N, C-alpha and C. Protein backbone atom coordinates (compact mmCIF):
# COMPACT_ATOMS: atom_id res chain seq x y z
N GLY A 1 177.33 101.45 70.10
CA GLY A 1 176.69 100.84 71.20
C GLY A 1 176.70 99.36 71.14
N GLY A 2 175.71 98.80 70.35
CA GLY A 2 175.52 97.36 70.30
C GLY A 2 176.64 96.55 69.73
N GLU A 3 177.27 97.15 68.72
CA GLU A 3 178.42 96.47 68.03
C GLU A 3 179.62 96.36 68.98
N MET A 4 179.89 97.38 69.70
CA MET A 4 181.00 97.36 70.68
C MET A 4 180.71 96.38 71.79
N MET A 5 179.48 96.28 72.22
CA MET A 5 179.09 95.39 73.28
C MET A 5 179.29 93.94 72.79
N ARG A 6 178.85 93.59 71.59
CA ARG A 6 179.07 92.25 71.02
C ARG A 6 180.52 91.93 70.90
N GLU A 7 181.34 92.91 70.47
CA GLU A 7 182.79 92.68 70.36
C GLU A 7 183.42 92.41 71.74
N ALA A 8 182.99 93.17 72.72
CA ALA A 8 183.51 92.97 74.08
C ALA A 8 183.21 91.60 74.63
N ILE A 9 181.91 91.19 74.37
CA ILE A 9 181.47 89.84 74.82
C ILE A 9 182.30 88.77 74.13
N SER A 10 182.52 88.92 72.84
CA SER A 10 183.35 88.00 72.06
C SER A 10 184.80 87.90 72.60
N ILE A 11 185.38 89.02 72.90
CA ILE A 11 186.71 89.08 73.45
C ILE A 11 186.79 88.40 74.79
N ASN A 12 185.85 88.66 75.68
CA ASN A 12 185.79 88.04 76.99
C ASN A 12 185.56 86.53 76.87
N LYS A 13 184.74 86.09 75.93
CA LYS A 13 184.55 84.66 75.70
C LYS A 13 185.84 83.98 75.30
N SER A 14 186.57 84.66 74.37
CA SER A 14 187.86 84.12 73.91
C SER A 14 188.88 84.02 75.00
N LEU A 15 188.98 85.04 75.87
CA LEU A 15 189.88 85.06 76.99
C LEU A 15 189.51 83.97 78.02
N PHE A 16 188.17 83.79 78.23
CA PHE A 16 187.75 82.75 79.19
C PHE A 16 188.10 81.37 78.63
N THR A 17 187.92 81.18 77.33
CA THR A 17 188.25 79.91 76.69
C THR A 17 189.78 79.70 76.76
N LEU A 18 190.56 80.76 76.53
CA LEU A 18 192.02 80.61 76.62
C LEU A 18 192.44 80.19 78.01
N ARG A 19 191.81 80.77 79.08
CA ARG A 19 192.06 80.31 80.42
C ARG A 19 191.75 78.92 80.62
N LYS A 20 190.58 78.38 80.08
CA LYS A 20 190.21 77.01 80.19
C LYS A 20 191.23 76.05 79.52
N VAL A 21 191.70 76.50 78.39
CA VAL A 21 192.66 75.66 77.60
C VAL A 21 193.96 75.64 78.39
N ILE A 22 194.48 76.77 78.86
CA ILE A 22 195.75 76.77 79.65
C ILE A 22 195.56 75.94 80.92
N THR A 23 194.46 76.04 81.59
CA THR A 23 194.28 75.28 82.83
C THR A 23 194.23 73.77 82.46
N SER A 24 193.54 73.38 81.44
CA SER A 24 193.41 71.97 81.09
C SER A 24 194.80 71.42 80.65
N LEU A 25 195.63 72.25 80.02
CA LEU A 25 196.97 71.75 79.58
C LEU A 25 197.94 71.73 80.75
N ALA A 26 197.77 72.65 81.69
CA ALA A 26 198.81 72.80 82.76
C ALA A 26 198.55 71.89 83.94
N GLU A 27 197.35 71.49 84.25
CA GLU A 27 197.06 70.75 85.41
C GLU A 27 197.07 69.24 85.10
N SER A 28 197.82 68.50 85.90
CA SER A 28 197.96 67.08 85.62
C SER A 28 196.68 66.28 85.73
N ARG A 29 195.74 66.75 86.52
CA ARG A 29 194.49 65.97 86.65
C ARG A 29 193.70 66.01 85.36
N TYR A 30 193.98 66.93 84.45
CA TYR A 30 193.28 67.03 83.15
C TYR A 30 194.03 66.23 82.04
N LYS A 31 195.14 65.68 82.31
CA LYS A 31 195.94 65.02 81.25
C LYS A 31 195.08 63.94 80.58
N GLY A 32 195.10 63.98 79.26
CA GLY A 32 194.37 62.97 78.50
C GLY A 32 192.91 63.33 78.25
N LEU A 33 192.43 64.42 78.88
CA LEU A 33 191.04 64.85 78.62
C LEU A 33 190.99 65.83 77.48
N HIS A 34 189.77 66.06 76.99
CA HIS A 34 189.56 67.00 75.89
C HIS A 34 190.02 68.44 76.23
N VAL A 35 190.75 69.04 75.35
CA VAL A 35 191.19 70.45 75.47
C VAL A 35 190.27 71.23 74.61
N PRO A 36 189.52 72.27 75.08
CA PRO A 36 188.56 73.00 74.29
C PRO A 36 189.13 74.05 73.32
N TYR A 37 190.07 73.67 72.46
CA TYR A 37 190.66 74.55 71.49
C TYR A 37 189.60 75.20 70.61
N ARG A 38 188.60 74.42 70.17
CA ARG A 38 187.62 74.90 69.15
C ARG A 38 186.54 75.77 69.73
N ASP A 39 186.57 76.03 71.02
CA ASP A 39 185.53 76.82 71.62
C ASP A 39 185.65 78.33 71.27
N SER A 40 186.78 78.76 70.72
CA SER A 40 186.90 80.14 70.28
C SER A 40 187.91 80.25 69.15
N LYS A 41 187.83 81.28 68.36
CA LYS A 41 188.76 81.48 67.22
C LYS A 41 190.15 81.67 67.80
N LEU A 42 190.30 82.38 68.88
CA LEU A 42 191.63 82.68 69.42
C LEU A 42 192.34 81.34 69.82
N THR A 43 191.65 80.46 70.51
CA THR A 43 192.32 79.21 70.96
C THR A 43 192.54 78.28 69.75
N SER A 44 191.68 78.35 68.76
CA SER A 44 191.90 77.55 67.56
C SER A 44 193.17 77.99 66.85
N LEU A 45 193.34 79.34 66.75
CA LEU A 45 194.60 79.83 66.15
C LEU A 45 195.84 79.54 66.90
N LEU A 46 195.66 79.49 68.23
CA LEU A 46 196.85 79.28 69.07
C LEU A 46 197.09 77.80 69.45
N GLN A 47 196.35 76.87 68.86
CA GLN A 47 196.46 75.46 69.18
C GLN A 47 197.88 74.91 69.07
N ASP A 48 198.63 75.23 68.01
CA ASP A 48 200.02 74.72 67.87
C ASP A 48 200.95 75.33 68.93
N SER A 49 200.60 76.57 69.38
CA SER A 49 201.46 77.27 70.33
C SER A 49 201.19 76.81 71.75
N LEU A 50 199.96 76.34 71.99
CA LEU A 50 199.54 75.93 73.30
C LEU A 50 199.48 74.42 73.37
N GLY A 51 200.57 73.77 73.85
CA GLY A 51 200.55 72.30 73.94
C GLY A 51 200.76 71.60 72.63
N GLY A 52 201.18 72.36 71.60
CA GLY A 52 201.44 71.79 70.31
C GLY A 52 202.93 71.52 70.08
N THR A 53 203.36 71.85 68.83
CA THR A 53 204.75 71.62 68.46
C THR A 53 205.58 72.86 68.31
N SER A 54 205.04 74.04 68.67
CA SER A 54 205.79 75.26 68.53
C SER A 54 206.55 75.65 69.81
N LEU A 55 207.61 76.37 69.63
CA LEU A 55 208.33 76.96 70.72
C LEU A 55 207.57 78.24 71.06
N THR A 56 207.09 78.37 72.27
CA THR A 56 206.20 79.49 72.65
C THR A 56 206.75 80.25 73.83
N VAL A 57 206.57 81.57 73.73
CA VAL A 57 206.97 82.51 74.82
C VAL A 57 205.74 83.31 75.19
N MET A 58 205.48 83.43 76.53
CA MET A 58 204.40 84.20 76.97
C MET A 58 204.94 85.38 77.85
N VAL A 59 204.45 86.57 77.59
CA VAL A 59 204.93 87.74 78.35
C VAL A 59 203.76 88.22 79.22
N ALA A 60 203.99 88.38 80.49
CA ALA A 60 203.00 88.87 81.45
C ALA A 60 203.33 90.32 81.80
N CYS A 61 202.40 91.21 81.52
CA CYS A 61 202.63 92.63 81.82
C CYS A 61 201.94 93.02 83.12
N LEU A 62 202.71 93.63 83.99
CA LEU A 62 202.24 94.05 85.33
C LEU A 62 202.31 95.55 85.51
N SER A 63 201.53 96.07 86.47
CA SER A 63 201.53 97.46 86.77
C SER A 63 202.28 97.66 88.07
N PRO A 64 203.16 98.68 88.23
CA PRO A 64 203.83 98.94 89.47
C PRO A 64 202.92 99.59 90.57
N CYS A 65 201.75 99.97 90.10
CA CYS A 65 200.81 100.69 91.02
C CYS A 65 200.14 99.71 92.03
N ASP A 66 200.09 100.14 93.28
CA ASP A 66 199.42 99.31 94.33
C ASP A 66 197.93 99.07 94.05
N ALA A 67 197.34 100.01 93.40
CA ALA A 67 195.92 99.90 93.09
C ALA A 67 195.58 98.71 92.16
N HIS A 68 196.59 98.21 91.44
CA HIS A 68 196.38 97.08 90.54
C HIS A 68 196.90 95.76 91.09
N PHE A 69 197.02 95.68 92.44
CA PHE A 69 197.56 94.44 93.07
C PHE A 69 196.79 93.19 92.65
N ASP A 70 195.42 93.27 92.77
CA ASP A 70 194.57 92.07 92.46
C ASP A 70 194.77 91.65 91.01
N GLU A 71 194.78 92.61 90.08
CA GLU A 71 194.99 92.30 88.66
C GLU A 71 196.38 91.72 88.42
N ASN A 72 197.41 92.29 89.05
CA ASN A 72 198.76 91.77 88.92
C ASN A 72 198.89 90.33 89.46
N LEU A 73 198.20 90.06 90.59
CA LEU A 73 198.25 88.66 91.15
C LEU A 73 197.53 87.72 90.26
N SER A 74 196.44 88.11 89.65
CA SER A 74 195.72 87.30 88.72
C SER A 74 196.60 86.96 87.47
N THR A 75 197.26 88.01 86.99
CA THR A 75 198.18 87.86 85.79
C THR A 75 199.31 86.90 86.17
N LEU A 76 199.93 87.03 87.29
CA LEU A 76 201.01 86.17 87.66
C LEU A 76 200.52 84.72 87.85
N GLU A 77 199.34 84.50 88.42
CA GLU A 77 198.79 83.12 88.55
C GLU A 77 198.56 82.53 87.19
N TYR A 78 198.04 83.37 86.27
CA TYR A 78 197.79 82.91 84.88
C TYR A 78 199.09 82.52 84.22
N ALA A 79 200.08 83.38 84.34
CA ALA A 79 201.41 83.09 83.73
C ALA A 79 202.06 81.86 84.35
N SER A 80 201.91 81.71 85.66
CA SER A 80 202.43 80.53 86.31
C SER A 80 201.81 79.25 85.79
N ARG A 81 200.52 79.33 85.65
CA ARG A 81 199.79 78.14 85.07
C ARG A 81 200.24 77.85 83.71
N ALA A 82 200.43 78.88 82.86
CA ALA A 82 200.87 78.73 81.45
C ALA A 82 202.27 78.18 81.41
N SER A 83 203.13 78.52 82.39
CA SER A 83 204.48 78.03 82.34
C SER A 83 204.58 76.50 82.58
N CYS A 84 203.46 75.88 83.09
CA CYS A 84 203.44 74.46 83.29
C CYS A 84 203.13 73.63 82.04
N ILE A 85 202.78 74.34 80.98
CA ILE A 85 202.46 73.63 79.73
C ILE A 85 203.71 73.14 79.10
N ALA A 86 203.74 71.90 78.70
CA ALA A 86 204.91 71.30 78.08
C ALA A 86 204.58 71.05 76.53
N ASN A 87 205.23 71.83 75.72
CA ASN A 87 205.09 71.61 74.23
C ASN A 87 206.09 70.54 73.79
N ARG A 88 205.74 69.93 72.67
CA ARG A 88 206.65 68.92 72.06
C ARG A 88 207.18 69.66 70.80
N VAL A 89 208.29 70.41 70.99
CA VAL A 89 208.85 71.20 69.93
C VAL A 89 209.36 70.30 68.82
N ALA A 90 209.00 70.59 67.58
CA ALA A 90 209.41 69.75 66.42
C ALA A 90 209.73 70.65 65.27
N VAL A 91 210.73 70.29 64.52
CA VAL A 91 211.12 71.09 63.35
C VAL A 91 210.20 70.67 62.20
N ASN A 92 209.56 71.65 61.57
CA ASN A 92 208.70 71.38 60.45
C ASN A 92 209.60 71.33 59.23
N GLU A 93 209.76 70.13 58.69
CA GLU A 93 210.72 69.94 57.57
C GLU A 93 210.00 69.11 56.49
N ASP A 94 210.15 69.60 55.30
CA ASP A 94 209.58 68.88 54.11
C ASP A 94 210.22 67.50 54.03
N PRO A 95 209.43 66.47 53.86
CA PRO A 95 209.98 65.07 53.84
C PRO A 95 211.02 64.87 52.78
N LYS A 96 210.89 65.56 51.65
CA LYS A 96 211.90 65.39 50.56
C LYS A 96 213.23 66.07 51.00
N SER A 97 213.13 67.22 51.59
CA SER A 97 214.30 67.97 52.05
C SER A 97 215.01 67.09 53.13
N ARG A 98 214.25 66.49 54.05
CA ARG A 98 214.85 65.66 55.07
C ARG A 98 215.59 64.44 54.45
N LEU A 99 214.93 63.82 53.46
CA LEU A 99 215.55 62.67 52.82
C LEU A 99 216.86 63.08 52.12
N ILE A 100 216.84 64.21 51.41
CA ILE A 100 218.08 64.73 50.76
C ILE A 100 219.13 64.98 51.77
N ARG A 101 218.78 65.61 52.92
CA ARG A 101 219.77 65.86 53.96
C ARG A 101 220.35 64.57 54.51
N GLU A 102 219.53 63.60 54.79
CA GLU A 102 219.96 62.31 55.34
C GLU A 102 220.81 61.59 54.35
N LEU A 103 220.44 61.58 53.05
CA LEU A 103 221.27 60.91 52.03
C LEU A 103 222.62 61.60 51.86
N ARG A 104 222.65 62.91 51.95
CA ARG A 104 223.89 63.57 51.84
C ARG A 104 224.82 63.27 52.99
N ALA A 105 224.26 63.14 54.24
CA ALA A 105 225.04 62.78 55.41
C ALA A 105 225.56 61.36 55.25
N GLN A 106 224.72 60.46 54.78
CA GLN A 106 225.14 59.06 54.57
C GLN A 106 226.21 59.04 53.49
N ASN A 107 226.11 59.78 52.46
CA ASN A 107 227.11 59.79 51.35
C ASN A 107 228.41 60.32 51.93
N ALA A 108 228.42 61.32 52.71
CA ALA A 108 229.67 61.86 53.32
C ALA A 108 230.30 60.81 54.23
N PHE A 109 229.50 60.11 55.02
CA PHE A 109 230.00 59.13 55.93
C PHE A 109 230.66 57.98 55.13
N LEU A 110 229.96 57.50 54.05
CA LEU A 110 230.50 56.41 53.28
C LEU A 110 231.76 56.79 52.49
N THR A 111 231.77 58.07 52.02
CA THR A 111 232.96 58.55 51.30
C THR A 111 234.16 58.62 52.27
N ALA A 112 233.94 59.04 53.50
CA ALA A 112 235.01 59.07 54.50
C ALA A 112 235.47 57.67 54.79
N GLN A 113 234.54 56.73 54.96
CA GLN A 113 234.93 55.33 55.21
C GLN A 113 235.75 54.75 54.09
N LEU A 114 235.34 55.01 52.86
CA LEU A 114 236.08 54.54 51.68
C LEU A 114 237.48 55.11 51.67
N ALA A 115 237.59 56.38 51.92
CA ALA A 115 238.88 57.03 51.93
C ALA A 115 239.81 56.46 52.99
N HIS A 116 239.19 56.14 54.13
CA HIS A 116 239.97 55.51 55.27
C HIS A 116 240.44 54.11 54.88
N MET A 117 239.58 53.30 54.22
CA MET A 117 239.93 51.97 53.82
C MET A 117 241.00 51.99 52.73
N ARG A 118 240.98 52.95 51.81
CA ARG A 118 241.98 53.08 50.79
C ARG A 118 243.38 53.42 51.34
N SER A 119 243.35 54.23 52.40
CA SER A 119 244.60 54.65 52.99
C SER A 119 245.20 53.53 53.87
N ALA A 120 244.43 52.60 54.28
CA ALA A 120 244.95 51.58 55.20
C ALA A 120 245.71 50.49 54.53
């Protein structure tokens, strides 16, 4: 009884907060304002995926039944709002690995230049 009720309230709070986060990220009038990621565990966990540096895919599930029209419409509006979020996708790379990769590329370039100069 009581435990299931508390869990349902917690889930609804997390989904409400997720909607607030998606709205604040998607709508231009909220640009630069505080995004309430910390208002729930769910949005805290999804922070990098929502407006962060991750490549994110959202799947909206709909019902073909006419009886679920209102729920389908709400889901599509939610997904439409979420599709307006622009993430800054970035490759997470160890700084040492990146330096090694860059130095190897520079070495290959200089080796090719030297070989070209020797053949000229």
